[in-house]
PDB file of N, CA and C in Angstrom:
ATOM      1  N   UNK A   1       0.848  -1.190   0.000  1.00  0.00           N
ATOM      2  CA  UNK A   1       0.000   0.000   0.000  1.00  0.00           C
ATOM      3  C   UNK A   1       0.885   1.243   0.000  1.00  0.00           C
ATOM      4  N   UNK A   2       0.579   2.199  -0.832  1.00  0.00           N
ATOM      5  CA  UNK A   2       1.357   3.420  -0.892  1.00  0.00           C
ATOM      6  C   UNK A   2       0.768   4.502  -0.010  1.00  0.00           C
ATOM      7  N   UNK A   3       1.546   5.527   0.139  1.00  0.00           N
ATOM      8  CA  UNK A   3       1.126   6.665   0.947  1.00  0.00           C
ATOM      9  C   UNK A   3       0.057   7.454   0.199  1.00  0.00           C
ATOM     10  N   UNK A   4      -1.036   7.797   0.860  1.00  0.00           N
ATOM     11  CA  UNK A   4      -2.105   8.616   0.274  1.00  0.00           C
ATOM     12  C   UNK A   4      -1.676  10.073   0.387  1.00  0.00           C
ATOM     13  N   UNK A   5      -1.285  10.660  -0.728  1.00  0.00           N
ATOM     14  CA  UNK A   5      -0.781  12.031  -0.722  1.00  0.00           C
ATOM     15  C   UNK A   5      -1.844  13.039  -1.169  1.00  0.00           C
ATOM     16  N   UNK A   6      -3.124  12.673  -1.042  1.00  0.00           N
ATOM     17  CA  UNK A   6      -4.178  13.585  -1.480  1.00  0.00           C
ATOM     18  C   UNK A   6      -4.390  14.754  -0.516  1.00  0.00           C
ATOM     19  N   UNK A   7      -3.916  14.620   0.719  1.00  0.00           N
ATOM     20  CA  UNK A   7      -3.952  15.726   1.684  1.00  0.00           C
ATOM     21  C   UNK A   7      -2.931  15.421   2.780  1.00  0.00           C
ATOM     22  N   UNK A   8      -2.603  16.432   3.566  1.00  0.00           N
ATOM     23  CA  UNK A   8      -1.669  16.229   4.673  1.00  0.00           C
ATOM     24  C   UNK A   8      -2.234  15.191   5.641  1.00  0.00           C
ATOM     25  N   UNK A   9      -3.494  15.353   6.013  1.00  0.00           N
ATOM     26  CA  UNK A   9      -4.105  14.443   6.969  1.00  0.00           C
ATOM     27  C   UNK A   9      -4.107  13.013   6.482  1.00  0.00           C
ATOM     28  N   UNK A  10      -4.434  12.819   5.219  1.00  0.00           N
ATOM     29  CA  UNK A  10      -4.455  11.458   4.671  1.00  0.00           C
ATOM     30  C   UNK A  10      -3.056  10.876   4.593  1.00  0.00           C
ATOM     31  N   UNK A  11      -2.070  11.702   4.289  1.00  0.00           N
ATOM     32  CA  UNK A  11      -0.681  11.219   4.261  1.00  0.00           C
ATOM     33  C   UNK A  11      -0.253  10.754   5.654  1.00  0.00           C
ATOM     34  N   UNK A  12      -0.596  11.542   6.663  1.00  0.00           N
ATOM     35  CA  UNK A  12      -0.234  11.190   8.041  1.00  0.00           C
ATOM     36  C   UNK A  12      -0.964   9.914   8.466  1.00  0.00           C
ATOM     37  N   UNK A  13      -2.267   9.852   8.200  1.00  0.00           N
ATOM     38  CA  UNK A  13      -3.049   8.680   8.596  1.00  0.00           C
ATOM     39  C   UNK A  13      -2.549   7.414   7.911  1.00  0.00           C
ATOM     40  N   UNK A  14      -2.283   7.498   6.606  1.00  0.00           N
ATOM     41  CA  UNK A  14      -1.853   6.293   5.895  1.00  0.00           C
ATOM     42  C   UNK A  14      -0.458   5.857   6.345  1.00  0.00           C
ATOM     43  N   UNK A  15       0.443   6.802   6.608  1.00  0.00           N
ATOM     44  CA  UNK A  15       1.782   6.446   7.092  1.00  0.00           C
ATOM     45  C   UNK A  15       1.700   5.844   8.493  1.00  0.00           C
ATOM     46  N   UNK A  16       0.852   6.416   9.329  1.00  0.00           N
ATOM     47  CA  UNK A  16       0.680   5.897  10.698  1.00  0.00           C
ATOM     48  C   UNK A  16       0.156   4.457  10.650  1.00  0.00           C
ATOM     49  N   UNK A  17      -0.832   4.215   9.814  1.00  0.00           N
ATOM     50  CA  UNK A  17      -1.418   2.879   9.712  1.00  0.00           C
ATOM     51  C   UNK A  17      -0.411   1.886   9.135  1.00  0.00           C
ATOM     52  N   UNK A  18       0.390   2.322   8.155  1.00  0.00           N
ATOM     53  CA  UNK A  18       1.428   1.444   7.609  1.00  0.00           C
ATOM     54  C   UNK A  18       2.416   1.010   8.685  1.00  0.00           C
ATOM     55  N   UNK A  19       2.652   1.883   9.646  1.00  0.00           N
ATOM     56  CA  UNK A  19       3.590   1.587  10.731  1.00  0.00           C
ATOM     57  C   UNK A  19       2.919   0.851  11.884  1.00  0.00           C
ATOM     58  N   UNK A  20       1.608   0.614  11.774  1.00  0.00           N
ATOM     59  CA  UNK A  20       0.883  -0.113  12.812  1.00  0.00           C
ATOM     60  C   UNK A  20       0.739   0.655  14.106  1.00  0.00           C
ATOM     61  N   UNK A  21       0.699   1.986  14.015  1.00  0.00           N
ATOM     62  CA  UNK A  21       0.605   2.819  15.213  1.00  0.00           C
ATOM     63  C   UNK A  21      -0.828   3.306  15.413  1.00  0.00           C
ATOM     64  N   UNK A  22      -1.225   3.439  16.666  1.00  0.00           N
ATOM     65  CA  UNK A  22      -2.508   4.069  16.978  1.00  0.00           C
ATOM     66  C   UNK A  22      -2.317   5.584  16.959  1.00  0.00           C
ATOM     67  N   UNK A  23      -3.417   6.297  16.936  1.00  0.00           N
ATOM     68  CA  UNK A  23      -3.319   7.755  17.013  1.00  0.00           C
ATOM     69  C   UNK A  23      -2.681   8.171  18.329  1.00  0.00           C
ATOM     70  N   UNK A  24      -3.038   7.487  19.393  1.00  0.00           N
ATOM     71  CA  UNK A  24      -2.472   7.828  20.703  1.00  0.00           C
ATOM     72  C   UNK A  24      -0.953   7.632  20.703  1.00  0.00           C
ATOM     73  N   UNK A  25      -0.482   6.520  20.117  1.00  0.00           N
ATOM     74  CA  UNK A  25       0.963   6.265  20.055  1.00  0.00           C
ATOM     75  C   UNK A  25       1.680   7.349  19.263  1.00  0.00           C
ATOM     76  N   UNK A  26       1.131   7.683  18.097  1.00  0.00           N
ATOM     77  CA  UNK A  26       1.783   8.701  17.273  1.00  0.00           C
ATOM     78  C   UNK A  26       1.769  10.049  17.982  1.00  0.00           C
ATOM     79  N   UNK A  27       0.650  10.411  18.573  1.00  0.00           N
ATOM     80  CA  UNK A  27       0.542  11.717  19.242  1.00  0.00           C
ATOM     81  C   UNK A  27       1.626  11.883  20.307  1.00  0.00           C
ATOM     82  N   UNK A  28       1.951  10.818  21.033  1.00  0.00           N
ATOM     83  CA  UNK A  28       2.963  10.936  22.082  1.00  0.00           C
ATOM     84  C   UNK A  28       4.361  11.159  21.516  1.00  0.00           C
ATOM     85  N   UNK A  29       4.562  10.830  20.235  1.00  0.00           N
ATOM     86  CA  UNK A  29       5.882  10.970  19.616  1.00  0.00           C
ATOM     87  C   UNK A  29       6.075  12.305  18.897  1.00  0.00           C
ATOM     88  N   UNK A  30       4.984  13.043  18.660  1.00  0.00           N
ATOM     89  CA  UNK A  30       5.060  14.331  17.968  1.00  0.00           C
ATOM     90  C   UNK A  30       5.153  15.426  19.020  1.00  0.00           C
ATOM     91  N   UNK A  31       6.323  16.015  19.134  1.00  0.00           N
ATOM     92  CA  UNK A  31       6.588  16.988  20.198  1.00  0.00           C
ATOM     93  C   UNK A  31       6.580  18.404  19.626  1.00  0.00           C
ATOM     94  N   UNK A  32       5.789  19.257  20.261  1.00  0.00           N
ATOM     95  CA  UNK A  32       5.709  20.665  19.859  1.00  0.00           C
ATOM     96  C   UNK A  32       6.972  21.409  20.289  1.00  0.00           C
ATOM     97  N   UNK A  33       7.075  22.651  19.854  1.00  0.00           N
ATOM     98  CA  UNK A  33       8.226  23.478  20.186  1.00  0.00           C
ATOM     99  C   UNK A  33       8.414  23.635  21.684  1.00  0.00           C
ATOM    100  N   UNK A  34       7.321  23.585  22.441  1.00  0.00           N
ATOM    101  CA  UNK A  34       7.405  23.772  23.896  1.00  0.00           C
ATOM    102  C   UNK A  34       7.789  22.487  24.642  1.00  0.00           C
ATOM    103  N   UNK A  35       8.045  21.409  23.888  1.00  0.00           N
ATOM    104  CA  UNK A  35       8.452  20.157  24.496  1.00  0.00           C
ATOM    105  C   UNK A  35       7.311  19.228  24.867  1.00  0.00           C
ATOM    106  N   UNK A  36       6.084  19.701  24.716  1.00  0.00           N
ATOM    107  CA  UNK A  36       4.904  18.884  25.022  1.00  0.00           C
ATOM    108  C   UNK A  36       4.471  18.123  23.774  1.00  0.00           C
ATOM    109  N   UNK A  37       3.955  16.920  23.974  1.00  0.00           N
ATOM    110  CA  UNK A  37       3.424  16.139  22.859  1.00  0.00           C
ATOM    111  C   UNK A  37       2.068  16.703  22.433  1.00  0.00           C
ATOM    112  N   UNK A  38       1.726  16.483  21.162  1.00  0.00           N
ATOM    113  CA  UNK A  38       0.394  16.884  20.714  1.00  0.00           C
ATOM    114  C   UNK A  38      -0.625  15.927  21.327  1.00  0.00           C
ATOM    115  N   UNK A  39      -1.874  16.318  21.323  1.00  0.00           N
ATOM    116  CA  UNK A  39      -2.923  15.465  21.879  1.00  0.00           C
ATOM    117  C   UNK A  39      -3.465  14.540  20.789  1.00  0.00           C
ATOM    118  N   UNK A  40      -4.003  13.399  21.194  1.00  0.00           N
ATOM    119  CA  UNK A  40      -4.642  12.525  20.206  1.00  0.00           C
ATOM    120  C   UNK A  40      -5.779  13.235  19.463  1.00  0.00           C
ATOM    121  N   UNK A  41      -6.506  14.123  20.139  1.00  0.00           N
ATOM    122  CA  UNK A  41      -7.590  14.859  19.472  1.00  0.00           C
ATOM    123  C   UNK A  41      -7.038  15.776  18.387  1.00  0.00           C
ATOM    124  N   UNK A  42      -5.925  16.455  18.664  1.00  0.00           N
ATOM    125  CA  UNK A  42      -5.293  17.315  17.653  1.00  0.00           C
ATOM    126  C   UNK A  42      -4.869  16.470  16.450  1.00  0.00           C
ATOM    127  N   UNK A  43      -4.283  15.300  16.709  1.00  0.00           N
ATOM    128  CA  UNK A  43      -3.889  14.403  15.620  1.00  0.00           C
ATOM    129  C   UNK A  43      -5.120  13.940  14.846  1.00  0.00           C
ATOM    130  N   UNK A  44      -6.186  13.597  15.539  1.00  0.00           N
ATOM    131  CA  UNK A  44      -7.417  13.194  14.868  1.00  0.00           C
ATOM    132  C   UNK A  44      -7.910  14.309  13.954  1.00  0.00           C
ATOM    133  N   UNK A  45      -7.889  15.544  14.444  1.00  0.00           N
ATOM    134  CA  UNK A  45      -8.308  16.684  13.622  1.00  0.00           C
ATOM    135  C   UNK A  45      -7.418  16.831  12.392  1.00  0.00           C
ATOM    136  N   UNK A  46      -6.116  16.632  12.551  1.00  0.00           N
ATOM    137  CA  UNK A  46      -5.198  16.702  11.409  1.00  0.00           C
ATOM    138  C   UNK A  46      -5.528  15.601  10.408  1.00  0.00           C
ATOM    139  N   UNK A  47      -5.680  14.374  10.897  1.00  0.00           N
ATOM    140  CA  UNK A  47      -5.937  13.242  10.000  1.00  0.00           C
ATOM    141  C   UNK A  47      -7.260  13.370   9.253  1.00  0.00           C
ATOM    142  N   UNK A  48      -8.206  14.099   9.827  1.00  0.00           N
ATOM    143  CA  UNK A  48      -9.498  14.309   9.164  1.00  0.00           C
ATOM    144  C   UNK A  48      -9.560  15.672   8.465  1.00  0.00           C
ATOM    145  N   UNK A  49      -8.391  16.277   8.264  1.00  0.00           N
ATOM    146  CA  UNK A  49      -8.263  17.545   7.537  1.00  0.00           C
ATOM    147  C   UNK A  49      -9.080  18.685   8.124  1.00  0.00           C
ATOM    148  N   UNK A  50      -9.284  18.643   9.432  1.00  0.00           N
ATOM    149  CA  UNK A  50      -9.949  19.752  10.112  1.00  0.00           C
ATOM    150  C   UNK A  50      -8.938  20.782  10.599  1.00  0.00           C
ATOM    151  N   UNK A  51      -7.672  20.371  10.690  1.00  0.00           N
ATOM    152  CA  UNK A  51      -6.585  21.264  11.107  1.00  0.00           C
ATOM    153  C   UNK A  51      -5.357  20.937  10.288  1.00  0.00           C
ATOM    154  N   UNK A  52      -4.457  21.903  10.225  1.00  0.00           N
ATOM    155  CA  UNK A  52      -3.161  21.707   9.576  1.00  0.00           C
ATOM    156  C   UNK A  52      -2.079  21.916  10.617  1.00  0.00           C
ATOM    157  N   UNK A  53      -0.889  21.388  10.371  1.00  0.00           N
ATOM    158  CA  UNK A  53       0.198  21.638  11.334  1.00  0.00           C
ATOM    159  C   UNK A  53       0.460  23.138  11.401  1.00  0.00           C
ATOM    160  N   UNK A  54       0.720  23.615  12.589  1.00  0.00           N
ATOM    161  CA  UNK A  54       0.830  25.062  12.802  1.00  0.00           C
ATOM    162  C   UNK A  54       2.232  25.620  12.626  1.00  0.00           C
ATOM    163  N   UNK A  55       3.209  24.758  12.325  1.00  0.00           N
ATOM    164  CA  UNK A  55       4.576  25.269  12.214  1.00  0.00           C
ATOM    165  C   UNK A  55       5.452  24.322  11.402  1.00  0.00           C
ATOM    166  N   UNK A  56       6.582  24.862  10.943  1.00  0.00           N
ATOM    167  CA  UNK A  56       7.594  24.038  10.279  1.00  0.00           C
ATOM    168  C   UNK A  56       8.054  22.926  11.212  1.00  0.00           C
ATOM    169  N   UNK A  57       8.147  23.245  12.481  1.00  0.00           N
ATOM    170  CA  UNK A  57       8.608  22.270  13.467  1.00  0.00           C
ATOM    171  C   UNK A  57       7.714  21.025  13.469  1.00  0.00           C
ATOM    172  N   UNK A  58       6.394  21.229  13.469  1.00  0.00           N
ATOM    173  CA  UNK A  58       5.486  20.092  13.495  1.00  0.00           C
ATOM    174  C   UNK A  58       5.553  19.282  12.205  1.00  0.00           C
ATOM    175  N   UNK A  59       5.685  19.947  11.077  1.00  0.00           N
ATOM    176  CA  UNK A  59       5.842  19.217   9.811  1.00  0.00           C
ATOM    177  C   UNK A  59       7.088  18.340   9.899  1.00  0.00           C
ATOM    178  N   UNK A  60       8.168  18.909  10.402  1.00  0.00           N
ATOM    179  CA  UNK A  60       9.415  18.148  10.548  1.00  0.00           C
ATOM    180  C   UNK A  60       9.260  16.982  11.512  1.00  0.00           C
ATOM    181  N   UNK A  61       8.519  17.181  12.594  1.00  0.00           N
ATOM    182  CA  UNK A  61       8.292  16.108  13.560  1.00  0.00           C
ATOM    183  C   UNK A  61       7.532  14.940  12.924  1.00  0.00           C
ATOM    184  N   UNK A  62       6.458  15.260  12.202  1.00  0.00           N
ATOM    185  CA  UNK A  62       5.703  14.202  11.526  1.00  0.00           C
ATOM    186  C   UNK A  62       6.597  13.475  10.527  1.00  0.00           C
ATOM    187  N   UNK A  63       7.376  14.221   9.761  1.00  0.00           N
ATOM    188  CA  UNK A  63       8.264  13.613   8.763  1.00  0.00           C
ATOM    189  C   UNK A  63       9.274  12.686   9.422  1.00  0.00           C
ATOM    190  N   UNK A  64       9.858  13.145  10.512  1.00  0.00           N
ATOM    191  CA  UNK A  64      10.886  12.357  11.208  1.00  0.00           C
ATOM    192  C   UNK A  64      10.303  11.073  11.787  1.00  0.00           C
ATOM    193  N   UNK A  65       9.209  11.201  12.515  1.00  0.00           N
ATOM    194  CA  UNK A  65       8.627  10.051  13.191  1.00  0.00           C
ATOM    195  C   UNK A  65       8.071   9.031  12.193  1.00  0.00           C
ATOM    196  N   UNK A  66       7.446   9.533  11.125  1.00  0.00           N
ATOM    197  CA  UNK A  66       6.815   8.629  10.158  1.00  0.00           C
ATOM    198  C   UNK A  66       7.728   8.275   8.984  1.00  0.00           C
ATOM    199  N   UNK A  67       8.931   8.848   8.983  1.00  0.00           N
ATOM    200  CA  UNK A  67       9.913   8.582   7.928  1.00  0.00           C
ATOM    201  C   UNK A  67       9.359   8.917   6.535  1.00  0.00           C
ATOM    202  N   UNK A  68       8.862  10.156   6.435  1.00  0.00           N
ATOM    203  CA  UNK A  68       8.346  10.704   5.179  1.00  0.00           C
ATOM    204  C   UNK A  68       9.226  11.898   4.834  1.00  0.00           C
ATOM    205  N   UNK A  69       9.528  12.065   3.568  1.00  0.00           N
ATOM    206  CA  UNK A  69      10.301  13.238   3.160  1.00  0.00           C
ATOM    207  C   UNK A  69       9.512  14.497   3.520  1.00  0.00           C
ATOM    208  N   UNK A  70      10.105  15.392   4.302  1.00  0.00           N
ATOM    209  CA  UNK A  70       9.354  16.589   4.710  1.00  0.00           C
ATOM    210  C   UNK A  70       8.907  17.448   3.535  1.00  0.00           C
ATOM    211  N   UNK A  71       9.674  17.466   2.457  1.00  0.00           N
ATOM    212  CA  UNK A  71       9.265  18.271   1.299  1.00  0.00           C
ATOM    213  C   UNK A  71       7.966  17.757   0.697  1.00  0.00           C
ATOM    214  N   UNK A  72       7.745  16.456   0.735  1.00  0.00           N
ATOM    215  CA  UNK A  72       6.483  15.895   0.248  1.00  0.00           C
ATOM    216  C   UNK A  72       5.330  16.380   1.125  1.00  0.00           C
ATOM    217  N   UNK A  73       5.548  16.429   2.437  1.00  0.00           N
ATOM    218  CA  UNK A  73       4.497  16.916   3.335  1.00  0.00           C
ATOM    219  C   UNK A  73       4.218  18.392   3.115  1.00  0.00           C
ATOM    220  N   UNK A  74       5.273  19.184   2.927  1.00  0.00           N
ATOM    221  CA  UNK A  74       5.058  20.601   2.632  1.00  0.00           C
ATOM    222  C   UNK A  74       4.234  20.751   1.357  1.00  0.00           C
ATOM    223  N   UNK A  75       4.507  19.892   0.379  1.00  0.00           N
ATOM    224  CA  UNK A  75       3.776  19.961  -0.881  1.00  0.00           C
ATOM    225  C   UNK A  75       2.289  19.727  -0.725  1.00  0.00           C
ATOM    226  N   UNK A  76       1.904  18.738   0.086  1.00  0.00           N
ATOM    227  CA  UNK A  76       0.478  18.443   0.220  1.00  0.00           C
ATOM    228  C   UNK A  76      -0.266  19.478   1.056  1.00  0.00           C
ATOM    229  N   UNK A  77       0.442  20.241   1.871  1.00  0.00           N
ATOM    230  CA  UNK A  77      -0.258  21.310   2.613  1.00  0.00           C
ATOM    231  C   UNK A  77      -0.137  22.650   1.907  1.00  0.00           C
ATOM    232  N   UNK A  78       0.562  22.656   0.766  1.00  0.00           N
ATOM    233  CA  UNK A  78       0.662  23.901   0.000  1.00  0.00           C
ATOM    234  C   UNK A  78       1.499  24.952   0.698  1.00  0.00           C
ATOM    235  N   UNK A  79       2.537  24.506   1.360  1.00  0.00           N
ATOM    236  CA  UNK A  79       3.397  25.402   2.130  1.00  0.00           C
ATOM    237  C   UNK A  79       4.842  25.145   1.733  1.00  0.00           C
ATOM    238  N   UNK A  80       5.642  26.157   1.782  1.00  0.00           N
ATOM    239  CA  UNK A  80       7.063  26.000   1.504  1.00  0.00           C
ATOM    240  C   UNK A  80       7.840  25.966   2.812  1.00  0.00           C
ATOM    241  N   UNK A  81       8.896  25.157   2.866  1.00  0.00           N
ATOM    242  CA  UNK A  81       9.739  25.178   4.063  1.00  0.00           C
ATOM    243  C   UNK A  81      10.352  26.569   4.260  1.00  0.00           C
ATOM    244  N   UNK A  82      10.691  26.878   5.482  1.00  0.00           N
ATOM    245  CA  UNK A  82      11.262  28.192   5.808  1.00  0.00           C
ATOM    246  C   UNK A  82      12.459  28.530   4.924  1.00  0.00           C
ATOM    247  N   UNK A  83      13.334  27.565   4.661  1.00  0.00           N
ATOM    248  CA  UNK A  83      14.519  27.849   3.852  1.00  0.00           C
ATOM    249  C   UNK A  83      14.129  28.318   2.447  1.00  0.00           C
ATOM    250  N   UNK A  84      13.049  27.773   1.890  1.00  0.00           N
ATOM    251  CA  UNK A  84      12.600  28.201   0.563  1.00  0.00           C
ATOM    252  C   UNK A  84      11.863  29.528   0.625  1.00  0.00           C
ATOM    253  N   UNK A  85      11.136  29.779   1.710  1.00  0.00           N
ATOM    254  CA  UNK A  85      10.483  31.084   1.867  1.00  0.00           C
ATOM    255  C   UNK A  85      11.531  32.194   1.922  1.00  0.00           C
ATOM    256  N   UNK A  86      12.667  31.906   2.565  1.00  0.00           N
ATOM    257  CA  UNK A  86      13.756  32.892   2.619  1.00  0.00           C
ATOM    258  C   UNK A  86      14.296  33.171   1.228  1.00  0.00           C
ATOM    259  N   UNK A  87      14.453  32.125   0.424  1.00  0.00           N
ATOM    260  CA  UNK A  87      14.930  32.315  -0.948  1.00  0.00           C
ATOM    261  C   UNK A  87      13.973  33.179  -1.753  1.00  0.00           C
ATOM    262  N   UNK A  88      12.688  32.949  -1.578  1.00  0.00           N
ATOM    263  CA  UNK A  88      11.688  33.730  -2.316  1.00  0.00           C
ATOM    264  C   UNK A  88      11.759  35.199  -1.930  1.00  0.00           C
ATOM    265  N   UNK A  89      11.953  35.462  -0.642  1.00  0.00           N
ATOM    266  CA  UNK A  89      12.027  36.869  -0.188  1.00  0.00           C
ATOM    267  C   UNK A  89      13.218  37.599  -0.791  1.00  0.00           C
ATOM    268  N   UNK A  90      14.250  36.845  -1.198  1.00  0.00           N
ATOM    269  CA  UNK A  90      15.454  37.441  -1.783  1.00  0.00           C
ATOM    270  C   UNK A  90      15.390  37.474  -3.310  1.00  0.00           C
ATOM    271  N   UNK A  91      14.306  37.000  -3.888  1.00  0.00           N
ATOM    272  CA  UNK A  91      14.204  36.860  -5.336  1.00  0.00           C
ATOM    273  C   UNK A  91      13.253  37.883  -5.933  1.00  0.00           C
ATOM    274  N   UNK A  92      13.333  38.006  -7.245  1.00  0.00           N
ATOM    275  CA  UNK A  92      12.384  38.863  -7.958  1.00  0.00           C
ATOM    276  C   UNK A  92      11.140  38.040  -8.289  1.00  0.00           C
ATOM    277  N   UNK A  93      10.018  38.694  -8.543  1.00  0.00           N
ATOM    278  CA  UNK A  93       8.817  37.953  -8.937  1.00  0.00           C
ATOM    279  C   UNK A  93       9.057  37.079 -10.177  1.00  0.00           C
ATOM    280  N   UNK A  94       9.848  37.571 -11.118  1.00  0.00           N
ATOM    281  CA  UNK A  94      10.122  36.797 -12.321  1.00  0.00           C
ATOM    282  C   UNK A  94      10.919  35.529 -11.992  1.00  0.00           C
ATOM    283  N   UNK A  95      11.885  35.630 -11.093  1.00  0.00           N
ATOM    284  CA  UNK A  95      12.661  34.447 -10.690  1.00  0.00           C
ATOM    285  C   UNK A  95      11.774  33.404 -10.011  1.00  0.00           C
ATOM    286  N   UNK A  96      10.869  33.866  -9.168  1.00  0.00           N
ATOM    287  CA  UNK A  96       9.962  32.956  -8.472  1.00  0.00           C
ATOM    288  C   UNK A  96       9.054  32.267  -9.494  1.00  0.00           C
ATOM    289  N   UNK A  97       8.517  33.033 -10.429  1.00  0.00           N
ATOM    290  CA  UNK A  97       7.653  32.454 -11.455  1.00  0.00           C
ATOM    291  C   UNK A  97       8.411  31.405 -12.263  1.00  0.00           C
ATOM    292  N   UNK A  98       9.617  31.712 -12.684  1.00  0.00           N
ATOM    293  CA  UNK A  98      10.422  30.761 -13.462  1.00  0.00           C
ATOM    294  C   UNK A  98      10.684  29.479 -12.666  1.00  0.00           C
ATOM    295  N   UNK A  99      10.926  29.616 -11.394  1.00  0.00           N
ATOM    296  CA  UNK A  99      11.174  28.443 -10.550  1.00  0.00           C
ATOM    297  C   UNK A  99       9.935  27.558 -10.467  1.00  0.00           C
ATOM    298  N   UNK A 100       8.759  28.182 -10.313  1.00  0.00           N
ATOM    299  CA  UNK A 100       7.538  27.387 -10.234  1.00  0.00           C
ATOM    300  C   UNK A 100       7.184  26.752 -11.578  1.00  0.00           C
ATOM    301  N   UNK A 101       7.453  27.432 -12.667  1.00  0.00           N
ATOM    302  CA  UNK A 101       7.239  26.841 -13.991  1.00  0.00           C
ATOM    303  C   UNK A 101       8.118  25.599 -14.149  1.00  0.00           C
ATOM    304  N   UNK A 102       9.379  25.705 -13.766  1.00  0.00           N
ATOM    305  CA  UNK A 102      10.303  24.568 -13.858  1.00  0.00           C
ATOM    306  C   UNK A 102       9.850  23.427 -12.936  1.00  0.00           C
ATOM    307  N   UNK A 103       9.371  23.772 -11.762  1.00  0.00           N
ATOM    308  CA  UNK A 103       8.877  22.787 -10.804  1.00  0.00           C
ATOM    309  C   UNK A 103       7.700  22.014 -11.391  1.00  0.00           C
ATOM    310  N   UNK A 104       6.721  22.739 -11.949  1.00  0.00           N
ATOM    311  CA  UNK A 104       5.548  22.093 -12.536  1.00  0.00           C
ATOM    312  C   UNK A 104       5.935  21.217 -13.709  1.00  0.00           C
ATOM    313  N   UNK A 105       6.839  21.720 -14.541  1.00  0.00           N
ATOM    314  CA  UNK A 105       7.290  20.964 -15.705  1.00  0.00           C
ATOM    315  C   UNK A 105       7.937  19.644 -15.258  1.00  0.00           C
ATOM    316  N   UNK A 106       8.738  19.721 -14.224  1.00  0.00           N
ATOM    317  CA  UNK A 106       9.415  18.530 -13.722  1.00  0.00           C
ATOM    318  C   UNK A 106       8.428  17.485 -13.201  1.00  0.00           C
ATOM    319  N   UNK A 107       7.410  17.936 -12.452  1.00  0.00           N
ATOM    320  CA  UNK A 107       6.449  16.990 -11.884  1.00  0.00           C
ATOM    321  C   UNK A 107       5.538  16.390 -12.944  1.00  0.00           C
ATOM    322  N   UNK A 108       5.262  17.143 -13.986  1.00  0.00           N
ATOM    323  CA  UNK A 108       4.401  16.612 -15.060  1.00  0.00           C
ATOM    324  C   UNK A 108       5.142  15.554 -15.864  1.00  0.00           C
ATOM    325  N   UNK A 109       6.483  15.632 -15.834  1.00  0.00           N
ATOM    326  CA  UNK A 109       7.316  14.632 -16.509  1.00  0.00           C
ATOM    327  C   UNK A 109       7.295  14.836 -17.960  1.00  0.00           C
TER     328      UNK A 109
END
């Protein structure tokens, strides 16, 4: 079974199930910036696409624990990692457009 990349929540749920983890087990492994684990209810909301991760840190935590490339997760939530947002802030609109055109061309194959 492959990872369901149709949304962030579905990607997390399918990866969690592939690993044989319960929501409670996964929630205890996802640690917020303040050092506290997320709640199973928060994870449930994410998996049902009622919430999105609130920070780069949480995206990285999910990627690390579930062994998913973080860039793939950023892609399904329509967000760029901080390092790429910094590059965009230093670029011209034309450079950004050219980069996205090349990105789309590459994914279309």
